[in-house]
C-alpha atoms as a PDB file:
ATOM      1  CA  UNK A   1      18.428  32.528   9.010  1.00  0.00           C
ATOM      2  CA  UNK A   2      17.300  30.027   6.401  1.00  0.00           C
ATOM      3  CA  UNK A   3      18.810  29.660   2.985  1.00  0.00           C
ATOM      4  CA  UNK A   4      16.716  30.352  -0.071  1.00  0.00           C
ATOM      5  CA  UNK A   5      16.110  27.366  -2.275  1.00  0.00           C
ATOM      6  CA  UNK A   6      17.200  27.225  -5.903  1.00  0.00           C
ATOM      7  CA  UNK A   7      14.148  25.226  -6.907  1.00  0.00           C
ATOM      8  CA  UNK A   8      12.441  26.274 -10.090  1.00  0.00           C
ATOM      9  CA  UNK A   9      15.694  26.793 -11.950  1.00  0.00           C
ATOM     10  CA  UNK A  10      16.986  23.932 -14.041  1.00  0.00           C
ATOM     11  CA  UNK A  11      18.774  23.379 -17.321  1.00  0.00           C
ATOM     12  CA  UNK A  12      16.159  22.052 -19.712  1.00  0.00           C
ATOM     13  CA  UNK A  13      18.647  20.621 -22.219  1.00  0.00           C
ATOM     14  CA  UNK A  14      20.533  18.813 -19.468  1.00  0.00           C
ATOM     15  CA  UNK A  15      17.282  17.375 -18.096  1.00  0.00           C
ATOM     16  CA  UNK A  16      16.249  16.197 -21.577  1.00  0.00           C
ATOM     17  CA  UNK A  17      19.622  14.476 -22.071  1.00  0.00           C
ATOM     18  CA  UNK A  18      19.148  12.570 -18.811  1.00  0.00           C
ATOM     19  CA  UNK A  19      15.589  11.660 -19.752  1.00  0.00           C
ATOM     20  CA  UNK A  20      16.848  10.384 -23.111  1.00  0.00           C
ATOM     21  CA  UNK A  21      19.355   8.119 -21.334  1.00  0.00           C
ATOM     22  CA  UNK A  22      16.587   6.770 -19.090  1.00  0.00           C
ATOM     23  CA  UNK A  23      14.291   6.188 -22.039  1.00  0.00           C
ATOM     24  CA  UNK A  24      17.043   4.280 -23.866  1.00  0.00           C
ATOM     25  CA  UNK A  25      17.460   2.080 -20.785  1.00  0.00           C
ATOM     26  CA  UNK A  26      13.725   1.366 -20.629  1.00  0.00           C
ATOM     27  CA  UNK A  27      13.726   0.569 -24.345  1.00  0.00           C
ATOM     28  CA  UNK A  28      16.573  -1.899 -23.787  1.00  0.00           C
ATOM     29  CA  UNK A  29      14.621  -3.605 -21.000  1.00  0.00           C
ATOM     30  CA  UNK A  30      11.620  -3.958 -23.311  1.00  0.00           C
ATOM     31  CA  UNK A  31      13.875  -5.347 -26.030  1.00  0.00           C
ATOM     32  CA  UNK A  32      15.348  -8.001 -23.731  1.00  0.00           C
ATOM     33  CA  UNK A  33      12.365  -8.861 -21.506  1.00  0.00           C
ATOM     34  CA  UNK A  34       9.625 -11.327 -22.318  1.00  0.00           C
ATOM     35  CA  UNK A  35       6.686  -9.578 -23.917  1.00  0.00           C
ATOM     36  CA  UNK A  36       4.014  -8.760 -21.336  1.00  0.00           C
ATOM     37  CA  UNK A  37       6.266  -9.710 -18.391  1.00  0.00           C
ATOM     38  CA  UNK A  38       6.233  -7.445 -15.338  1.00  0.00           C
ATOM     39  CA  UNK A  39       9.596  -5.987 -16.420  1.00  0.00           C
ATOM     40  CA  UNK A  40       8.299  -5.279 -19.921  1.00  0.00           C
ATOM     41  CA  UNK A  41       5.186  -3.525 -18.585  1.00  0.00           C
ATOM     42  CA  UNK A  42       7.174  -1.534 -16.000  1.00  0.00           C
ATOM     43  CA  UNK A  43       9.593  -0.337 -18.680  1.00  0.00           C
ATOM     44  CA  UNK A  44       6.613   0.776 -20.755  1.00  0.00           C
ATOM     45  CA  UNK A  45       5.271   2.798 -17.827  1.00  0.00           C
ATOM     46  CA  UNK A  46       8.698   4.407 -17.346  1.00  0.00           C
ATOM     47  CA  UNK A  47       8.771   5.384 -21.027  1.00  0.00           C
ATOM     48  CA  UNK A  48       5.272   6.882 -20.752  1.00  0.00           C
ATOM     49  CA  UNK A  49       6.307   8.925 -17.710  1.00  0.00           C
ATOM     50  CA  UNK A  50       9.449  10.144 -19.490  1.00  0.00           C
ATOM     51  CA  UNK A  51       7.384  11.110 -22.546  1.00  0.00           C
ATOM     52  CA  UNK A  52       4.937  12.989 -20.299  1.00  0.00           C
ATOM     53  CA  UNK A  53       7.763  14.951 -18.674  1.00  0.00           C
ATOM     54  CA  UNK A  54       9.406  15.657 -22.040  1.00  0.00           C
ATOM     55  CA  UNK A  55       6.062  17.015 -23.269  1.00  0.00           C
ATOM     56  CA  UNK A  56       5.815  19.266 -20.209  1.00  0.00           C
ATOM     57  CA  UNK A  57       9.325  20.589 -20.901  1.00  0.00           C
ATOM     58  CA  UNK A  58       9.071  20.972 -24.675  1.00  0.00           C
ATOM     59  CA  UNK A  59       5.387  21.025 -25.579  1.00  0.00           C
ATOM     60  CA  UNK A  60       5.994  18.098 -27.937  1.00  0.00           C
ATOM     61  CA  UNK A  61       4.338  14.810 -26.870  1.00  0.00           C
ATOM     62  CA  UNK A  62       6.543  12.885 -29.315  1.00  0.00           C
ATOM     63  CA  UNK A  63       9.839  14.617 -28.488  1.00  0.00           C
ATOM     64  CA  UNK A  64      11.804  11.363 -28.176  1.00  0.00           C
ATOM     65  CA  UNK A  65      10.035   9.531 -30.997  1.00  0.00           C
ATOM     66  CA  UNK A  66      11.730   9.097 -34.354  1.00  0.00           C
ATOM     67  CA  UNK A  67      10.265  10.982 -37.276  1.00  0.00           C
ATOM     68  CA  UNK A  68       9.494   8.982 -40.402  1.00  0.00           C
ATOM     69  CA  UNK A  69      12.073   9.170 -43.133  1.00  0.00           C
ATOM     70  CA  UNK A  70      11.077  11.204 -46.151  1.00  0.00           C
ATOM     71  CA  UNK A  71      10.017   9.256 -49.213  1.00  0.00           C
ATOM     72  CA  UNK A  72      12.789   8.987 -51.791  1.00  0.00           C
ATOM     73  CA  UNK A  73      12.401  11.186 -54.842  1.00  0.00           C
ATOM     74  CA  UNK A  74      12.790   9.297 -58.060  1.00  0.00           C
ATOM     75  CA  UNK A  75      14.517  10.793 -61.059  1.00  0.00           C
ATOM     76  CA  UNK A  76      12.368  13.293 -62.873  1.00  0.00           C
ATOM     77  CA  UNK A  77      10.108  14.040 -59.891  1.00  0.00           C
ATOM     78  CA  UNK A  78       9.850  17.495 -58.433  1.00  0.00           C
ATOM     79  CA  UNK A  79      10.565  18.062 -54.752  1.00  0.00           C
ATOM     80  CA  UNK A  80       7.517  20.331 -54.493  1.00  0.00           C
ATOM     81  CA  UNK A  81       3.921  19.112 -54.837  1.00  0.00           C
END
Protein backbone atom coordinates (compact mmCIF):
# COMPACT_ATOMS: atom_id res chain seq x y z
CA UNK A 1 0.00 0.00 0.00
CA UNK A 2 1.33 3.44 -0.87
CA UNK A 3 1.74 6.26 1.57
CA UNK A 4 -0.26 9.42 1.12
CA UNK A 5 1.79 12.49 0.39
CA UNK A 6 1.78 15.56 2.62
CA UNK A 7 2.12 17.90 -0.33
CA UNK A 8 -0.05 20.97 -0.28
CA UNK A 9 0.55 21.63 3.40
CA UNK A 10 3.31 24.04 4.31
CA UNK A 11 4.02 26.71 6.88
CA UNK A 12 3.71 30.01 5.05
CA UNK A 13 5.63 32.05 7.63
CA UNK A 14 8.48 29.55 7.64
CA UNK A 15 8.62 29.61 3.83
CA UNK A 16 8.67 33.43 3.82
CA UNK A 17 11.54 33.47 6.33
CA UNK A 18 13.58 31.18 4.07
CA UNK A 19 12.74 33.28 1.03
CA UNK A 20 13.86 36.39 2.92
CA UNK A 21 17.23 34.75 3.66
CA UNK A 22 17.63 33.85 -0.02
CA UNK A 23 16.70 37.35 -1.12
CA UNK A 24 19.27 38.83 1.29
CA UNK A 25 21.91 36.55 -0.24
CA UNK A 26 21.00 37.64 -3.77
CA UNK A 27 21.10 41.27 -2.67
CA UNK A 28 24.59 40.72 -1.25
CA UNK A 29 25.75 39.20 -4.55
CA UNK A 30 24.43 42.24 -6.41
CA UNK A 31 26.17 44.53 -3.94
CA UNK A 32 29.53 42.81 -4.41
CA UNK A 33 29.41 41.84 -8.10
CA UNK A 34 30.32 44.06 -11.02
CA UNK A 35 27.27 45.81 -12.37
CA UNK A 36 25.83 43.93 -15.36
CA UNK A 37 28.11 40.91 -14.82
CA UNK A 38 26.57 37.45 -15.20
CA UNK A 39 26.51 37.09 -11.39
CA UNK A 40 24.76 40.44 -10.99
CA UNK A 41 22.10 39.55 -13.57
CA UNK A 42 21.58 36.05 -12.13
CA UNK A 43 21.10 37.49 -8.64
CA UNK A 44 18.51 39.87 -10.07
CA UNK A 45 16.62 36.96 -11.63
CA UNK A 46 16.70 35.11 -8.29
CA UNK A 47 15.26 38.17 -6.54
CA UNK A 48 12.50 38.43 -9.16
CA UNK A 49 11.61 34.75 -8.68
CA UNK A 50 11.55 35.16 -4.90
CA UNK A 51 9.32 38.24 -5.23
CA UNK A 52 6.98 36.30 -7.53
CA UNK A 53 6.68 33.46 -5.02
CA UNK A 54 6.20 35.88 -2.12
CA UNK A 55 3.38 37.52 -4.09
CA UNK A 56 1.76 34.12 -4.67
CA UNK A 57 1.95 33.40 -0.93
CA UNK A 58 0.88 36.81 0.37
CA UNK A 59 -0.86 38.63 -2.46
CA UNK A 60 1.62 41.49 -2.06
CA UNK A 61 4.03 41.93 -5.01
CA UNK A 62 6.28 44.14 -2.86
CA UNK A 63 6.26 41.97 0.28
CA UNK A 64 10.04 42.11 0.75
CA UNK A 65 10.47 45.72 -0.36
CA UNK A 66 11.02 48.46 2.19
CA UNK A 67 8.25 50.97 2.65
CA UNK A 68 9.20 54.64 2.45
CA UNK A 69 9.67 56.38 5.75
CA UNK A 70 6.94 58.81 6.69
CA UNK A 71 7.74 62.48 6.24
CA UNK A 72 8.72 64.16 9.49
CA UNK A 73 6.10 66.41 11.03
CA UNK A 74 7.42 69.81 11.91
CA UNK A 75 6.33 71.64 15.02
CA UNK A 76 2.89 73.14 14.68
CA UNK A 77 1.76 70.81 11.88
CA UNK A 78 -1.19 68.52 12.30
CA UNK A 79 -0.80 64.79 11.75
CA UNK A 80 -4.06 64.72 9.79
CA UNK A 81 -4.54 66.37 6.39
